[in-house]
Protein backbone atom coordinates (compact mmCIF):
# COMPACT_ATOMS: atom_id res chain seq x y z
CA MET A 1 -149.69 10.13 74.11
CA THR A 2 -151.67 8.51 76.94
CA VAL A 3 -150.89 10.05 80.31
CA TYR A 4 -151.53 7.92 83.39
CA ALA A 5 -152.30 10.37 86.17
CA ASP A 6 -151.55 7.89 88.96
CA MET A 7 -148.08 7.09 87.59
CA LEU A 8 -147.38 10.78 86.96
CA PHE A 9 -148.36 11.55 90.56
CA LEU A 10 -146.25 8.67 91.95
CA VAL A 11 -143.12 9.62 90.00
CA ASN A 12 -143.41 13.26 91.03
CA PHE A 13 -144.19 12.35 94.63
CA ILE A 14 -141.02 10.23 94.87
CA MET A 15 -138.82 12.83 93.18
CA ASN A 16 -140.23 15.75 95.19
CA GLY A 17 -139.83 13.84 98.45
CA PHE A 18 -136.22 13.10 97.54
CA VAL A 19 -135.54 16.76 96.70
CA LEU A 20 -137.12 18.03 99.96
CA TRP A 21 -135.23 15.43 102.00
CA ILE A 22 -131.90 16.47 100.45
CA VAL A 23 -132.75 20.14 101.01
CA ALA A 24 -133.36 19.40 104.71
CA LYS A 25 -129.97 17.68 104.95
CA LEU A 26 -127.98 20.31 103.07
CA SER A 27 -129.59 23.31 104.76
CA ARG A 28 -129.33 21.65 108.19
CA THR A 29 -133.06 22.19 108.68
CA PRO A 30 -134.29 18.90 110.14
CA ARG A 31 -137.94 18.18 109.40
CA LYS A 32 -140.14 15.30 110.43
CA LEU A 33 -141.00 12.82 107.71
CA ARG A 34 -144.68 13.77 107.72
CA TRP A 35 -143.86 17.35 106.65
CA ILE A 36 -141.59 16.16 103.85
CA LEU A 37 -144.29 13.75 102.64
CA ALA A 38 -146.95 16.49 102.89
CA GLY A 39 -144.86 18.90 100.83
CA ALA A 40 -144.02 16.22 98.26
CA GLY A 41 -147.68 15.17 98.02
CA VAL A 42 -148.99 18.69 97.44
CA MET A 43 -146.28 19.38 94.82
CA ALA A 44 -147.03 16.10 93.02
CA LEU A 45 -150.77 16.81 93.03
CA LEU A 46 -150.33 20.32 91.62
CA TYR A 47 -147.91 19.16 88.94
CA THR A 48 -150.21 16.30 87.93
CA LEU A 49 -153.13 18.70 87.59
CA LEU A 50 -150.95 21.03 85.52
CA ILE A 51 -150.19 18.22 83.05
CA VAL A 52 -153.48 16.32 82.83
CA VAL A 53 -156.05 19.14 83.10
CA TYR A 54 -156.41 20.53 79.61
CA SER A 55 -157.69 23.93 80.75
CA LEU A 56 -154.46 24.56 82.69
CA ARG A 57 -152.11 24.01 79.75
CA PHE A 58 -152.09 27.71 78.89
CA MET A 59 -149.80 28.25 81.90
CA ASN A 60 -146.05 28.57 81.41
CA ILE A 61 -144.68 25.29 82.71
CA VAL A 62 -141.42 26.85 83.97
CA LEU A 63 -143.17 29.56 86.00
CA ALA A 64 -145.74 27.07 87.23
CA SER A 65 -142.96 24.70 88.36
CA VAL A 66 -141.32 27.53 90.33
CA ALA A 67 -144.65 28.30 91.99
CA ILE A 68 -145.21 24.63 92.84
CA LEU A 69 -141.72 24.34 94.31
CA SER A 70 -142.36 27.47 96.39
CA VAL A 71 -145.53 25.90 97.81
CA GLY A 72 -143.69 22.67 98.66
CA VAL A 73 -140.80 24.49 100.37
CA ALA A 74 -143.16 26.74 102.36
CA LEU A 75 -145.34 23.81 103.48
CA THR A 76 -142.42 21.57 104.42
CA PHE A 77 -140.06 24.00 106.17
CA HIS A 78 -142.25 26.87 107.41
CA PRO A 79 -139.42 29.37 106.79
CA GLU A 80 -139.25 32.42 109.03
CA GLY A 81 -138.67 35.47 106.85
CA ILE A 82 -137.91 36.01 103.18
CA LYS A 83 -134.16 35.43 103.60
CA SER A 84 -134.67 31.94 105.02
CA PHE A 85 -137.25 31.17 102.31
CA LEU A 86 -134.95 32.30 99.47
CA LYS A 87 -132.07 30.25 100.89
CA LEU A 88 -134.23 27.11 100.97
CA MET A 89 -135.53 27.84 97.47
CA ALA A 90 -131.99 28.22 96.12
CA VAL A 91 -130.97 24.87 97.59
CA ALA A 92 -134.18 23.21 96.37
CA TYR A 93 -133.75 24.56 92.84
CA GLY A 94 -130.12 23.45 92.75
CA ILE A 95 -131.10 19.92 93.79
CA SER A 96 -134.01 19.89 91.33
CA PHE A 97 -131.70 20.86 88.47
CA THR A 98 -129.22 18.16 89.50
CA VAL A 99 -131.89 15.44 89.65
CA GLY A 100 -133.58 16.66 86.47
CA GLY A 101 -130.31 17.02 84.60
CA LEU A 102 -129.16 13.52 85.46
CA GLY A 103 -132.60 12.13 84.62
CA MET A 104 -132.46 13.83 81.23
CA ALA A 105 -128.95 12.48 80.64
CA LEU A 106 -130.14 8.95 81.42
CA PHE A 107 -133.12 9.51 79.12
CA PHE A 108 -130.77 10.44 76.28
CA LEU A 109 -128.46 7.52 76.95
CA THR A 110 -131.24 4.93 77.07
CA ASP A 111 -133.01 5.96 73.85
CA LEU A 112 -131.23 8.74 71.97
CA PRO A 113 -133.41 8.95 68.81
CA TYR A 114 -136.63 8.99 70.86
CA ALA A 115 -135.23 11.67 73.17
CA VAL A 116 -134.15 13.86 70.25
CA HIS A 117 -137.66 13.61 68.83
CA PHE A 118 -139.20 14.76 72.10
CA ILE A 119 -136.79 17.67 72.56
CA ALA A 120 -137.21 18.84 68.97
CA GLU A 121 -140.93 18.23 68.43
CA ASP A 122 -142.70 17.85 71.74
CA PHE A 123 -140.96 19.15 74.85
CA ASP A 124 -144.16 18.85 76.90
CA GLY A 125 -144.28 15.23 75.84
CA PHE A 126 -140.76 14.79 77.16
CA THR A 127 -141.86 16.01 80.60
CA ARG A 128 -144.61 13.37 80.61
CA ALA A 129 -142.43 10.52 79.35
CA ILE A 130 -140.14 10.11 82.35
CA SER A 131 -140.83 6.70 83.89
CA TRP A 132 -140.58 5.88 87.58
CA GLN A 133 -137.60 3.62 86.83
CA LEU A 134 -135.79 6.52 85.18
CA ALA A 135 -136.74 8.80 88.08
CA LEU A 136 -135.29 6.36 90.61
CA ALA A 137 -132.11 5.99 88.56
CA GLY A 138 -131.79 9.77 88.34
CA MET A 139 -132.29 10.14 92.10
CA ALA A 140 -129.73 7.44 92.87
CA ALA A 141 -127.17 9.06 90.58
CA SER A 142 -127.95 12.49 92.07
CA TYR A 143 -127.54 11.19 95.62
CA VAL A 144 -124.12 9.75 94.85
CA LEU A 145 -123.05 12.95 93.05
CA ILE A 146 -124.28 15.19 95.88
CA LYS A 147 -122.56 13.05 98.54
CA LEU A 148 -119.28 13.21 96.63
CA ALA A 149 -119.60 16.97 96.16
CA ILE A 150 -120.28 17.48 99.87
CA ARG A 151 -117.31 15.33 100.84
CA VAL A 152 -114.97 17.23 98.52
CA TYR A 153 -116.31 20.55 99.80
CA GLU A 154 -115.90 19.55 103.45
CA LYS A 155 -112.32 18.43 102.87
CA HIS A 156 -111.59 21.69 101.06
CA LEU A 157 -113.20 23.69 103.88
CA LEU A 158 -111.20 21.79 106.47
CA ARG A 159 -107.95 22.49 104.66
CA ARG A 160 -108.68 26.15 103.97
CA GLN A 161 -110.48 27.33 107.08
CA MET A 162 -109.96 24.85 109.89
CA LEU A 163 -106.26 24.01 109.62
CA CYS A 164 -103.50 26.35 110.68
CA ASN A 165 -99.74 25.92 110.55
CA VAL A 166 -97.94 26.02 113.91
CA GLN A 167 -94.20 26.42 114.49
CA VAL A 168 -92.61 25.70 117.87
CA PHE A 169 -89.14 26.95 118.83
CA LEU A 170 -87.00 25.81 121.75
CA GLY A 171 -83.29 26.56 121.92
CA GLU A 172 -81.69 25.60 118.62
CA SER A 173 -84.56 23.27 117.64
CA ASP A 174 -87.90 23.90 116.01
CA CYS A 175 -90.74 21.92 114.44
CA SER A 176 -93.69 22.73 112.22
CA PHE A 177 -97.09 21.03 111.90
CA ASP A 178 -100.72 21.63 110.90
CA ALA A 179 -103.17 22.00 113.77
CA LEU A 180 -106.95 21.69 113.67
CA VAL A 181 -108.78 24.76 114.93
CA ASP A 182 -111.12 23.01 117.35
CA THR A 183 -114.04 25.09 118.63
CA GLY A 184 -114.45 22.63 121.49
CA HIS A 185 -110.84 22.99 122.62
CA SER A 186 -110.43 25.57 125.41
CA LEU A 187 -107.70 23.90 127.46
CA LYS A 188 -105.56 26.21 129.60
CA GLU A 189 -102.65 25.72 131.97
CA PRO A 190 -104.38 26.07 135.37
CA ILE A 191 -101.93 28.40 137.15
CA SER A 192 -101.00 30.91 134.46
CA GLN A 193 -104.19 30.40 132.40
CA SER A 194 -102.00 30.19 129.30
CA PRO A 195 -103.71 28.61 126.29
CA VAL A 196 -102.57 25.10 125.41
CA ILE A 197 -101.71 23.85 121.93
CA ILE A 198 -101.84 20.06 121.83
CA ALA A 199 -99.19 18.37 119.67
CA GLU A 200 -98.33 14.75 118.99
CA PHE A 201 -95.35 13.36 120.90
CA GLU A 202 -93.61 12.22 117.70
CA LEU A 203 -93.50 15.83 116.50
CA ILE A 204 -91.82 17.38 119.52
CA LYS A 205 -89.86 14.48 120.99
CA ASN A 206 -86.55 16.05 119.94
CA PHE A 207 -87.23 18.85 122.44
CA LEU A 208 -87.41 16.41 125.35
CA PRO A 209 -84.62 15.01 127.58
CA ASP A 210 -83.86 11.33 127.02
CA ARG A 211 -85.32 10.27 130.40
CA LEU A 212 -88.63 11.95 129.59
CA LYS A 213 -88.72 10.48 126.09
CA ILE A 214 -88.38 7.01 127.60
CA LEU A 215 -91.42 7.63 129.81
CA PHE A 216 -93.45 8.50 126.73
CA TYR A 217 -92.21 5.47 124.82
CA GLU A 218 -93.23 3.27 127.75
CA LYS A 219 -96.58 5.07 128.16
CA GLN A 220 -95.57 6.08 131.71
CA GLU A 221 -95.58 9.84 131.20
CA ASN A 222 -98.21 10.34 133.91
CA ASP A 223 -96.11 8.57 136.55
CA LEU A 224 -95.21 11.54 138.78
CA ASN A 225 -92.54 9.57 140.70
CA GLU A 226 -90.68 8.76 137.49
CA LEU A 227 -91.12 12.32 136.32
CA LEU A 228 -89.61 13.70 139.53
CA ALA A 229 -86.78 11.17 139.32
CA GLY A 230 -86.02 12.43 135.83
CA SER A 231 -86.01 16.04 137.00
CA SER A 232 -83.28 15.25 139.53
CA THR A 233 -80.98 14.19 136.69
CA ASP A 234 -81.51 17.47 134.88
CA VAL A 235 -78.58 19.24 136.57
CA LYS A 236 -79.04 22.59 134.85
CA GLY A 237 -82.82 22.48 135.11
CA LEU A 238 -83.05 23.70 131.52
CA PHE A 239 -86.10 21.67 130.50
CA TYR A 240 -87.84 20.41 133.62
CA ALA A 241 -88.33 23.98 134.79
CA ARG A 242 -90.49 24.46 131.71
CA ILE A 243 -92.76 21.48 132.42
CA ARG A 244 -96.42 22.12 133.22
CA MET A 245 -99.04 19.62 134.35
CA ILE A 246 -102.36 20.22 132.63
CA PRO A 247 -105.52 18.53 133.96
CA PHE A 248 -108.24 17.78 131.41
CA THR A 249 -111.52 15.99 130.93
CA SER A 250 -112.71 14.33 127.75
CA LEU A 251 -115.43 12.05 126.47
CA GLY A 252 -115.06 8.66 128.13
CA LYS A 253 -112.48 9.94 130.62
CA ALA A 254 -113.61 11.81 133.73
CA SER A 255 -110.16 13.26 134.42
CA GLY A 256 -106.65 13.04 133.11
CA MET A 257 -103.27 14.78 133.16
CA LEU A 258 -101.35 16.08 130.20
CA ILE A 259 -97.65 16.90 130.35
CA GLY A 260 -96.84 20.19 128.70
CA PHE A 261 -93.91 22.58 128.40
CA ARG A 262 -93.38 26.26 127.75
CA PRO A 263 -91.38 26.82 124.52
CA ASP A 264 -89.26 29.85 123.67
CA LYS A 265 -91.63 30.96 120.93
CA VAL A 266 -94.68 29.78 119.03
CA LYS A 267 -95.89 31.00 115.63
CA VAL A 268 -99.51 30.35 114.68
CA GLY A 269 -99.84 31.17 111.01
CA SER A 270 -98.52 34.72 110.72
CA SER A 271 -99.04 35.66 114.39
CA THR A 272 -96.81 35.06 117.42
CA PRO A 273 -98.96 34.62 120.53
CA ALA A 274 -97.24 35.00 123.91
CA ASP A 275 -97.41 32.64 126.89
CA VAL A 276 -98.42 29.47 125.10
CA VAL A 277 -97.98 25.97 126.55
CA ILE A 278 -97.47 22.91 124.33
CA GLY A 279 -99.39 19.88 125.60
CA ILE A 280 -97.90 16.52 124.58
CA TYR A 281 -100.35 13.92 123.28
CA ASN A 282 -98.86 10.43 123.20
CA ASP A 283 -100.88 9.11 120.24
CA LYS A 284 -102.18 10.14 116.81
CA LEU A 285 -104.81 12.88 116.63
CA CYS A 286 -105.88 12.12 113.06
CA GLY A 287 -105.71 8.73 111.36
CA ASP A 288 -104.75 10.07 107.92
CA GLY A 289 -102.29 12.67 109.28
CA ARG A 290 -104.11 15.75 107.91
CA TYR A 291 -103.44 17.48 111.22
CA ARG A 292 -101.12 16.65 114.12
CA GLY A 293 -102.16 19.27 116.64
CA LEU A 294 -105.22 20.92 118.20
CA LEU A 295 -105.62 24.64 118.51
CA SER A 296 -108.06 26.92 120.31
CA PRO A 297 -109.85 29.47 118.05
CA GLU A 298 -108.72 32.29 120.37
CA LEU A 299 -105.13 31.77 119.22
CA ILE A 300 -105.63 32.19 115.50
CA GLY A 301 -106.67 35.86 115.28
CA GLY A 302 -105.50 36.90 111.82
CA ALA A 303 -103.42 33.77 111.37
CA LEU A 304 -105.64 32.10 108.73
């Protein structure tokens, strides 16, 4: 078999660059492009020498590949400590197996008899027979597979670790919903410093007096005059005495006011935190309805 060193270098350079780029993304270790290209170039050069230099063929190709990958990871990421290095190596090897495995599968599918011959008679020949077209196809398939796997994992992580069931009780009524544990949510009622759980209006509207529900339907819930007018009709003062006004700031809004109320009891998972205020959000928090509330991490404790 004739081996073209330039093509062998180019194919390996592209594949190694792809692997190192994916490793940087998955490990959340951002690197400038020049370091990724440097690592990919050194790895491609070493692998090309391993294949084309006859005097180096005594080396075990598997062990040599591990050593080459180690050099590329060290050069690209400059890991601090053995633990960081081993973590990057594990990710790099996982990606390499994914890319290589899909490339091999495509090799089998495109020419099965030829592939069987290489595997059975000349495995080294198989490693030299991968074309740049097949390498690109393997990388494209790997990228799609990795993206899908990450998306599935993130959804699973969100459901298992970042969502918590909340139950709110007031009088004879109660409601239950999933709330997102938001690390950026630290809203508190300003006077009592009670933590605030934000819930969608549609969830807790049955707790509210009719006059207050109308304000929310008309998007006038922050009209203090209307709110005070409604409180005067609440003869027994059963609900309006529970109302709390909660100032907040958010992205794109310098200041705002959230109407909240103090329920009889709140259960967050298996725990029952005291002195919690429910803030009423007059919109949807999540487009697909996975969660309908926001929760501060300080409230979950052993709830998850």
